[in-house]
Amino acid sequence: MLHPSYSDLMNVVNAEVEPGEQAVVNSRYSIVMATSKRAREIIDGDEPMVACDCNKALSIAVAELEGKKLKVLAEEEEE
């Protein structure tokens, strides 16, 4: 089981969305894509943005997302 859970991560990402606005992340797929993209960046040599006692890139990426160090963009905002 993933800790934190997908729903916890979705709440972190959507925490700054004003009531009535559309959520940035609506599905687990968005969380998986964001963390896997960041994990690939870490594997390719990017420095982690959080102190983490884990050595797996995906675990570090999840910790970064939970620590609000990553910003997930809505699909229309991506470049």
PDB file of N, CA and C in Angstrom:
ATOM      1  N   MET A   1       0.843  -1.176   0.000  1.00  0.00           N
ATOM      2  CA  MET A   1       0.000   0.000   0.000  1.00  0.00           C
ATOM      3  C   MET A   1       0.890   1.241   0.000  1.00  0.00           C
ATOM      4  N   LEU A   2       0.495   2.206  -0.746  1.00  0.00           N
ATOM      5  CA  LEU A   2       1.232   3.465  -0.839  1.00  0.00           C
ATOM      6  C   LEU A   2       0.879   4.360   0.347  1.00  0.00           C
ATOM      7  N   HIS A   3       1.922   4.841   1.023  1.00  0.00           N
ATOM      8  CA  HIS A   3       1.705   5.790   2.120  1.00  0.00           C
ATOM      9  C   HIS A   3       2.430   7.050   1.774  1.00  0.00           C
ATOM     10  N   PRO A   4       1.837   8.123   1.649  1.00  0.00           N
ATOM     11  CA  PRO A   4       0.419   8.400   1.870  1.00  0.00           C
ATOM     12  C   PRO A   4      -0.441   7.829   0.742  1.00  0.00           C
ATOM     13  N   SER A   5      -1.721   7.746   0.986  1.00  0.00           N
ATOM     14  CA  SER A   5      -2.631   7.183  -0.009  1.00  0.00           C
ATOM     15  C   SER A   5      -2.829   8.153  -1.172  1.00  0.00           C
ATOM     16  N   TYR A   6      -3.355   7.621  -2.266  1.00  0.00           N
ATOM     17  CA  TYR A   6      -3.642   8.466  -3.428  1.00  0.00           C
ATOM     18  C   TYR A   6      -4.573   9.615  -3.063  1.00  0.00           C
ATOM     19  N   SER A   7      -5.593   9.308  -2.268  1.00  0.00           N
ATOM     20  CA  SER A   7      -6.543  10.368  -1.915  1.00  0.00           C
ATOM     21  C   SER A   7      -5.874  11.442  -1.053  1.00  0.00           C
ATOM     22  N   ASP A   8      -4.945  11.038  -0.173  1.00  0.00           N
ATOM     23  CA  ASP A   8      -4.204  12.029   0.612  1.00  0.00           C
ATOM     24  C   ASP A   8      -3.363  12.923  -0.296  1.00  0.00           C
ATOM     25  N   LEU A   9      -2.697  12.324  -1.282  1.00  0.00           N
ATOM     26  CA  LEU A   9      -1.881  13.101  -2.215  1.00  0.00           C
ATOM     27  C   LEU A   9      -2.743  14.030  -3.065  1.00  0.00           C
ATOM     28  N   MET A  10      -3.920  13.549  -3.466  1.00  0.00           N
ATOM     29  CA  MET A  10      -4.824  14.397  -4.243  1.00  0.00           C
ATOM     30  C   MET A  10      -5.278  15.580  -3.406  1.00  0.00           C
ATOM     31  N   ASN A  11      -5.523  15.370  -2.117  1.00  0.00           N
ATOM     32  CA  ASN A  11      -5.914  16.469  -1.229  1.00  0.00           C
ATOM     33  C   ASN A  11      -4.796  17.487  -1.079  1.00  0.00           C
ATOM     34  N   VAL A  12      -3.547  17.030  -1.015  1.00  0.00           N
ATOM     35  CA  VAL A  12      -2.400  17.935  -0.908  1.00  0.00           C
ATOM     36  C   VAL A  12      -2.306  18.803  -2.159  1.00  0.00           C
ATOM     37  N   VAL A  13      -2.416  18.178  -3.317  1.00  0.00           N
ATOM     38  CA  VAL A  13      -2.297  18.908  -4.586  1.00  0.00           C
ATOM     39  C   VAL A  13      -3.439  19.897  -4.764  1.00  0.00           C
ATOM     40  N   ASN A  14      -4.628  19.504  -4.346  1.00  0.00           N
ATOM     41  CA  ASN A  14      -5.812  20.349  -4.535  1.00  0.00           C
ATOM     42  C   ASN A  14      -6.081  21.280  -3.358  1.00  0.00           C
ATOM     43  N   ALA A  15      -5.191  21.336  -2.388  1.00  0.00           N
ATOM     44  CA  ALA A  15      -5.421  22.108  -1.170  1.00  0.00           C
ATOM     45  C   ALA A  15      -5.611  23.601  -1.425  1.00  0.00           C
ATOM     46  N   GLU A  16      -4.975  24.142  -2.431  1.00  0.00           N
ATOM     47  CA  GLU A  16      -5.054  25.583  -2.668  1.00  0.00           C
ATOM     48  C   GLU A  16      -6.126  25.977  -3.682  1.00  0.00           C
ATOM     49  N   VAL A  17      -6.928  25.013  -4.101  1.00  0.00           N
ATOM     50  CA  VAL A  17      -8.009  25.297  -5.043  1.00  0.00           C
ATOM     51  C   VAL A  17      -9.157  25.954  -4.288  1.00  0.00           C
ATOM     52  N   GLU A  18      -9.608  27.081  -4.791  1.00  0.00           N
ATOM     53  CA  GLU A  18     -10.714  27.804  -4.163  1.00  0.00           C
ATOM     54  C   GLU A  18     -12.025  27.036  -4.359  1.00  0.00           C
ATOM     55  N   PRO A  19     -12.946  27.157  -3.411  1.00  0.00           N
ATOM     56  CA  PRO A  19     -14.246  26.512  -3.578  1.00  0.00           C
ATOM     57  C   PRO A  19     -14.920  26.996  -4.865  1.00  0.00           C
ATOM     58  N   GLY A  20     -15.440  26.059  -5.606  1.00  0.00           N
ATOM     59  CA  GLY A  20     -16.099  26.385  -6.867  1.00  0.00           C
ATOM     60  C   GLY A  20     -15.195  26.242  -8.072  1.00  0.00           C
ATOM     61  N   GLU A  21     -13.877  26.235  -7.863  1.00  0.00           N
ATOM     62  CA  GLU A  21     -12.939  26.035  -8.964  1.00  0.00           C
ATOM     63  C   GLU A  21     -12.759  24.543  -9.202  1.00  0.00           C
ATOM     64  N   GLN A  22     -12.310  24.214 -10.407  1.00  0.00           N
ATOM     65  CA  GLN A  22     -12.073  22.817 -10.732  1.00  0.00           C
ATOM     66  C   GLN A  22     -10.765  22.356 -10.101  1.00  0.00           C
ATOM     67  N   ALA A  23     -10.776  21.148  -9.569  1.00  0.00           N
ATOM     68  CA  ALA A  23      -9.591  20.583  -8.937  1.00  0.00           C
ATOM     69  C   ALA A  23      -8.483  20.376  -9.966  1.00  0.00           C
ATOM     70  N   VAL A  24      -7.239  20.529  -9.531  1.00  0.00           N
ATOM     71  CA  VAL A  24      -6.096  20.324 -10.412  1.00  0.00           C
ATOM     72  C   VAL A  24      -5.962  18.846 -10.754  1.00  0.00           C
ATOM     73  N   VAL A  25      -6.134  18.003  -9.755  1.00  0.00           N
ATOM     74  CA  VAL A  25      -6.003  16.558  -9.931  1.00  0.00           C
ATOM     75  C   VAL A  25      -7.339  15.908  -9.613  1.00  0.00           C
ATOM     76  N   ASN A  26      -7.827  15.119 -10.562  1.00  0.00           N
ATOM     77  CA  ASN A  26      -9.112  14.457 -10.378  1.00  0.00           C
ATOM     78  C   ASN A  26      -9.004  12.941 -10.324  1.00  0.00           C
ATOM     79  N   SER A  27      -7.808  12.403 -10.552  1.00  0.00           N
ATOM     80  CA  SER A  27      -7.685  10.949 -10.628  1.00  0.00           C
ATOM     81  C   SER A  27      -6.330  10.471 -10.124  1.00  0.00           C
ATOM     82  N   ARG A  28      -6.280   9.201  -9.813  1.00  0.00           N
ATOM     83  CA  ARG A  28      -5.021   8.572  -9.412  1.00  0.00           C
ATOM     84  C   ARG A  28      -4.011   8.638 -10.546  1.00  0.00           C
ATOM     85  N   TYR A  29      -4.494   8.542 -11.758  1.00  0.00           N
ATOM     86  CA  TYR A  29      -3.619   8.571 -12.931  1.00  0.00           C
ATOM     87  C   TYR A  29      -2.764   9.837 -12.923  1.00  0.00           C
ATOM     88  N   SER A  30      -3.329  10.958 -12.594  1.00  0.00           N
ATOM     89  CA  SER A  30      -2.586  12.219 -12.551  1.00  0.00           C
ATOM     90  C   SER A  30      -1.474  12.176 -11.510  1.00  0.00           C
ATOM     91  N   ILE A  31      -1.757  11.584 -10.368  1.00  0.00           N
ATOM     92  CA  ILE A  31      -0.754  11.438  -9.313  1.00  0.00           C
ATOM     93  C   ILE A  31       0.366  10.522  -9.788  1.00  0.00           C
ATOM     94  N   VAL A  32       0.007   9.410 -10.399  1.00  0.00           N
ATOM     95  CA  VAL A  32       1.001   8.457 -10.903  1.00  0.00           C
ATOM     96  C   VAL A  32       1.883   9.111 -11.958  1.00  0.00           C
ATOM     97  N   MET A  33       1.287   9.850 -12.874  1.00  0.00           N
ATOM     98  CA  MET A  33       2.063  10.497 -13.938  1.00  0.00           C
ATOM     99  C   MET A  33       3.007  11.558 -13.368  1.00  0.00           C
ATOM    100  N   ALA A  34       2.538  12.347 -12.418  1.00  0.00           N
ATOM    101  CA  ALA A  34       3.371  13.399 -11.830  1.00  0.00           C
ATOM    102  C   ALA A  34       4.547  12.809 -11.068  1.00  0.00           C
ATOM    103  N   THR A  35       4.288  11.800 -10.254  1.00  0.00           N
ATOM    104  CA  THR A  35       5.371  11.212  -9.462  1.00  0.00           C
ATOM    105  C   THR A  35       6.329  10.409 -10.325  1.00  0.00           C
ATOM    106  N   SER A  36       5.830   9.740 -11.343  1.00  0.00           N
ATOM    107  CA  SER A  36       6.737   8.972 -12.202  1.00  0.00           C
ATOM    108  C   SER A  36       7.623   9.896 -13.032  1.00  0.00           C
ATOM    109  N   LYS A  37       7.086  11.013 -13.480  1.00  0.00           N
ATOM    110  CA  LYS A  37       7.892  11.985 -14.228  1.00  0.00           C
ATOM    111  C   LYS A  37       8.998  12.549 -13.341  1.00  0.00           C
ATOM    112  N   ARG A  38       8.662  12.888 -12.106  1.00  0.00           N
ATOM    113  CA  ARG A  38       9.658  13.409 -11.174  1.00  0.00           C
ATOM    114  C   ARG A  38      10.691  12.333 -10.809  1.00  0.00           C
ATOM    115  N   ALA A  39      10.239  11.095 -10.655  1.00  0.00           N
ATOM    116  CA  ALA A  39      11.170  10.000 -10.347  1.00  0.00           C
ATOM    117  C   ALA A  39      12.184   9.824 -11.476  1.00  0.00           C
ATOM    118  N   ARG A  40      11.747   9.941 -12.727  1.00  0.00           N
ATOM    119  CA  ARG A  40      12.681   9.855 -13.860  1.00  0.00           C
ATOM    120  C   ARG A  40      13.698  10.988 -13.815  1.00  0.00           C
ATOM    121  N   GLU A  41      13.252  12.184 -13.421  1.00  0.00           N
ATOM    122  CA  GLU A  41      14.178  13.313 -13.300  1.00  0.00           C
ATOM    123  C   GLU A  41      15.228  13.042 -12.218  1.00  0.00           C
ATOM    124  N   ILE A  42      14.805  12.453 -11.108  1.00  0.00           N
ATOM    125  CA  ILE A  42      15.739  12.123 -10.019  1.00  0.00           C
ATOM    126  C   ILE A  42      16.731  11.058 -10.488  1.00  0.00           C
ATOM    127  N   ILE A  43      16.239  10.058 -11.181  1.00  0.00           N
ATOM    128  CA  ILE A  43      17.115   9.015 -11.723  1.00  0.00           C
ATOM    129  C   ILE A  43      18.137   9.609 -12.675  1.00  0.00           C
ATOM    130  N   ASP A  44      17.719  10.619 -13.443  1.00  0.00           N
ATOM    131  CA  ASP A  44      18.614  11.257 -14.407  1.00  0.00           C
ATOM    132  C   ASP A  44      19.580  12.248 -13.771  1.00  0.00           C
ATOM    133  N   GLY A  45      19.519  12.418 -12.444  1.00  0.00           N
ATOM    134  CA  GLY A  45      20.519  13.230 -11.773  1.00  0.00           C
ATOM    135  C   GLY A  45      20.029  14.453 -11.023  1.00  0.00           C
ATOM    136  N   ASP A  46      18.733  14.785 -11.091  1.00  0.00           N
ATOM    137  CA  ASP A  46      18.228  15.927 -10.319  1.00  0.00           C
ATOM    138  C   ASP A  46      18.346  15.642  -8.823  1.00  0.00           C
ATOM    139  N   GLU A  47      18.661  16.665  -8.069  1.00  0.00           N
ATOM    140  CA  GLU A  47      18.755  16.534  -6.620  1.00  0.00           C
ATOM    141  C   GLU A  47      17.357  16.501  -6.003  1.00  0.00           C
ATOM    142  N   PRO A  48      17.143  15.636  -5.014  1.00  0.00           N
ATOM    143  CA  PRO A  48      15.856  15.626  -4.308  1.00  0.00           C
ATOM    144  C   PRO A  48      15.606  16.961  -3.613  1.00  0.00           C
ATOM    145  N   MET A  49      14.347  17.363  -3.561  1.00  0.00           N
ATOM    146  CA  MET A  49      13.968  18.630  -2.940  1.00  0.00           C
ATOM    147  C   MET A  49      13.565  18.476  -1.479  1.00  0.00           C
ATOM    148  N   VAL A  50      13.567  17.245  -0.976  1.00  0.00           N
ATOM    149  CA  VAL A  50      13.254  16.983   0.425  1.00  0.00           C
ATOM    150  C   VAL A  50      14.273  16.002   0.983  1.00  0.00           C
ATOM    151  N   ALA A  51      14.471  16.073   2.282  1.00  0.00           N
ATOM    152  CA  ALA A  51      15.307  15.078   2.944  1.00  0.00           C
ATOM    153  C   ALA A  51      14.443  13.836   3.141  1.00  0.00           C
ATOM    154  N   CYS A  52      14.947  12.720   2.667  1.00  0.00           N
ATOM    155  CA  CYS A  52      14.164  11.491   2.732  1.00  0.00           C
ATOM    156  C   CYS A  52      15.101  10.344   3.089  1.00  0.00           C
ATOM    157  N   ASP A  53      14.679   9.488   4.008  1.00  0.00           N
ATOM    158  CA  ASP A  53      15.515   8.361   4.395  1.00  0.00           C
ATOM    159  C   ASP A  53      15.378   7.180   3.439  1.00  0.00           C
ATOM    160  N   CYS A  54      14.702   7.385   2.334  1.00  0.00           N
ATOM    161  CA  CYS A  54      14.535   6.342   1.328  1.00  0.00           C
ATOM    162  C   CYS A  54      15.516   6.577   0.184  1.00  0.00           C
ATOM    163  N   ASN A  55      15.821   5.521  -0.547  1.00  0.00           N
ATOM    164  CA  ASN A  55      16.765   5.666  -1.643  1.00  0.00           C
ATOM    165  C   ASN A  55      16.136   5.381  -3.002  1.00  0.00           C
ATOM    166  N   LYS A  56      14.848   5.132  -3.041  1.00  0.00           N
ATOM    167  CA  LYS A  56      14.162   4.872  -4.303  1.00  0.00           C
ATOM    168  C   LYS A  56      13.595   6.177  -4.851  1.00  0.00           C
ATOM    169  N   ALA A  57      13.809   6.393  -6.133  1.00  0.00           N
ATOM    170  CA  ALA A  57      13.396   7.642  -6.772  1.00  0.00           C
ATOM    171  C   ALA A  57      11.894   7.884  -6.642  1.00  0.00           C
ATOM    172  N   LEU A  58      11.090   6.859  -6.784  1.00  0.00           N
ATOM    173  CA  LEU A  58       9.636   7.044  -6.689  1.00  0.00           C
ATOM    174  C   LEU A  58       9.216   7.436  -5.278  1.00  0.00           C
ATOM    175  N   SER A  59       9.835   6.843  -4.277  1.00  0.00           N
ATOM    176  CA  SER A  59       9.526   7.195  -2.892  1.00  0.00           C
ATOM    177  C   SER A  59       9.912   8.644  -2.601  1.00  0.00           C
ATOM    178  N   ILE A  60      11.032   9.074  -3.164  1.00  0.00           N
ATOM    179  CA  ILE A  60      11.459  10.464  -2.999  1.00  0.00           C
ATOM    180  C   ILE A  60      10.459  11.399  -3.680  1.00  0.00           C
ATOM    181  N   ALA A  61      10.019  11.031  -4.886  1.00  0.00           N
ATOM    182  CA  ALA A  61       9.055  11.854  -5.615  1.00  0.00           C
ATOM    183  C   ALA A  61       7.737  11.969  -4.855  1.00  0.00           C
ATOM    184  N   VAL A  62       7.282  10.882  -4.248  1.00  0.00           N
ATOM    185  CA  VAL A  62       6.053  10.912  -3.451  1.00  0.00           C
ATOM    186  C   VAL A  62       6.239  11.823  -2.242  1.00  0.00           C
ATOM    187  N   ALA A  63       7.405  11.724  -1.597  1.00  0.00           N
ATOM    188  CA  ALA A  63       7.693  12.585  -0.441  1.00  0.00           C
ATOM    189  C   ALA A  63       7.720  14.056  -0.855  1.00  0.00           C
ATOM    190  N   GLU A  64       8.259  14.344  -2.037  1.00  0.00           N
ATOM    191  CA  GLU A  64       8.281  15.724  -2.534  1.00  0.00           C
ATOM    192  C   GLU A  64       6.870  16.231  -2.787  1.00  0.00           C
ATOM    193  N   LEU A  65       6.030  15.391  -3.360  1.00  0.00           N
ATOM    194  CA  LEU A  65       4.650  15.791  -3.625  1.00  0.00           C
ATOM    195  C   LEU A  65       3.898  16.024  -2.320  1.00  0.00           C
ATOM    196  N   GLU A  66       4.083  15.134  -1.380  1.00  0.00           N
ATOM    197  CA  GLU A  66       3.420  15.284  -0.084  1.00  0.00           C
ATOM    198  C   GLU A  66       3.922  16.523   0.657  1.00  0.00           C
ATOM    199  N   GLY A  67       5.195  16.847   0.492  1.00  0.00           N
ATOM    200  CA  GLY A  67       5.777  18.009   1.148  1.00  0.00           C
ATOM    201  C   GLY A  67       5.538  19.312   0.405  1.00  0.00           C
ATOM    202  N   LYS A  68       4.707  19.273  -0.617  1.00  0.00           N
ATOM    203  CA  LYS A  68       4.333  20.441  -1.423  1.00  0.00           C
ATOM    204  C   LYS A  68       5.536  21.086  -2.109  1.00  0.00           C
ATOM    205  N   LYS A  69       6.520  20.270  -2.466  1.00  0.00           N
ATOM    206  CA  LYS A  69       7.684  20.763  -3.200  1.00  0.00           C
ATOM    207  C   LYS A  69       7.466  20.654  -4.705  1.00  0.00           C
ATOM    208  N   LEU A  70       6.502  19.851  -5.116  1.00  0.00           N
ATOM    209  CA  LEU A  70       6.158  19.710  -6.528  1.00  0.00           C
ATOM    210  C   LEU A  70       4.830  20.391  -6.782  1.00  0.00           C
ATOM    211  N   LYS A  71       4.718  20.995  -7.931  1.00  0.00           N
ATOM    212  CA  LYS A  71       3.443  21.592  -8.324  1.00  0.00           C
ATOM    213  C   LYS A  71       2.935  20.818  -9.528  1.00  0.00           C
ATOM    214  N   VAL A  72       1.761  20.271  -9.409  1.00  0.00           N
ATOM    215  CA  VAL A  72       1.139  19.546 -10.502  1.00  0.00           C
ATOM    216  C   VAL A  72       0.280  20.528 -11.274  1.00  0.00           C
ATOM    217  N   LEU A  73       0.553  20.648 -12.563  1.00  0.00           N
ATOM    218  CA  LEU A  73      -0.208  21.572 -13.399  1.00  0.00           C
ATOM    219  C   LEU A  73      -1.408  20.881 -13.995  1.00  0.00           C
ATOM    220  N   ALA A  74      -2.484  21.612 -14.154  1.00  0.00           N
ATOM    221  CA  ALA A  74      -3.647  21.095 -14.848  1.00  0.00           C
ATOM    222  C   ALA A  74      -3.239  20.832 -16.295  1.00  0.00           C
ATOM    223  N   GLU A  75      -3.918  19.934 -16.940  1.00  0.00           N
ATOM    224  CA  GLU A  75      -3.552  19.505 -18.288  1.00  0.00           C
ATOM    225  C   GLU A  75      -3.403  20.664 -19.267  1.00  0.00           C
ATOM    226  N   GLU A  76      -4.291  21.634 -19.198  1.00  0.00           N
ATOM    227  CA  GLU A  76      -4.239  22.762 -20.135  1.00  0.00           C
ATOM    228  C   GLU A  76      -3.077  23.706 -19.839  1.00  0.00           C
ATOM    229  N   GLU A  77      -2.464  23.624 -18.639  1.00  0.00           N
ATOM    230  CA  GLU A  77      -1.347  24.492 -18.270  1.00  0.00           C
ATOM    231  C   GLU A  77       0.000  23.915 -18.689  1.00  0.00           C
ATOM    232  N   GLU A  78       0.045  22.603 -19.032  1.00  0.00           N
ATOM    233  CA  GLU A  78       1.309  21.962 -19.358  1.00  0.00           C
ATOM    234  C   GLU A  78       1.863  22.521 -20.654  1.00  0.00           C
ATOM    235  N   GLU A  79       3.205  22.521 -20.714  1.00  0.00           N
ATOM    236  CA  GLU A  79       3.863  23.022 -21.919  1.00  0.00           C
ATOM    237  C   GLU A  79       4.126  21.923 -22.897  1.00  0.00           C
TER     238      GLU A  79
END
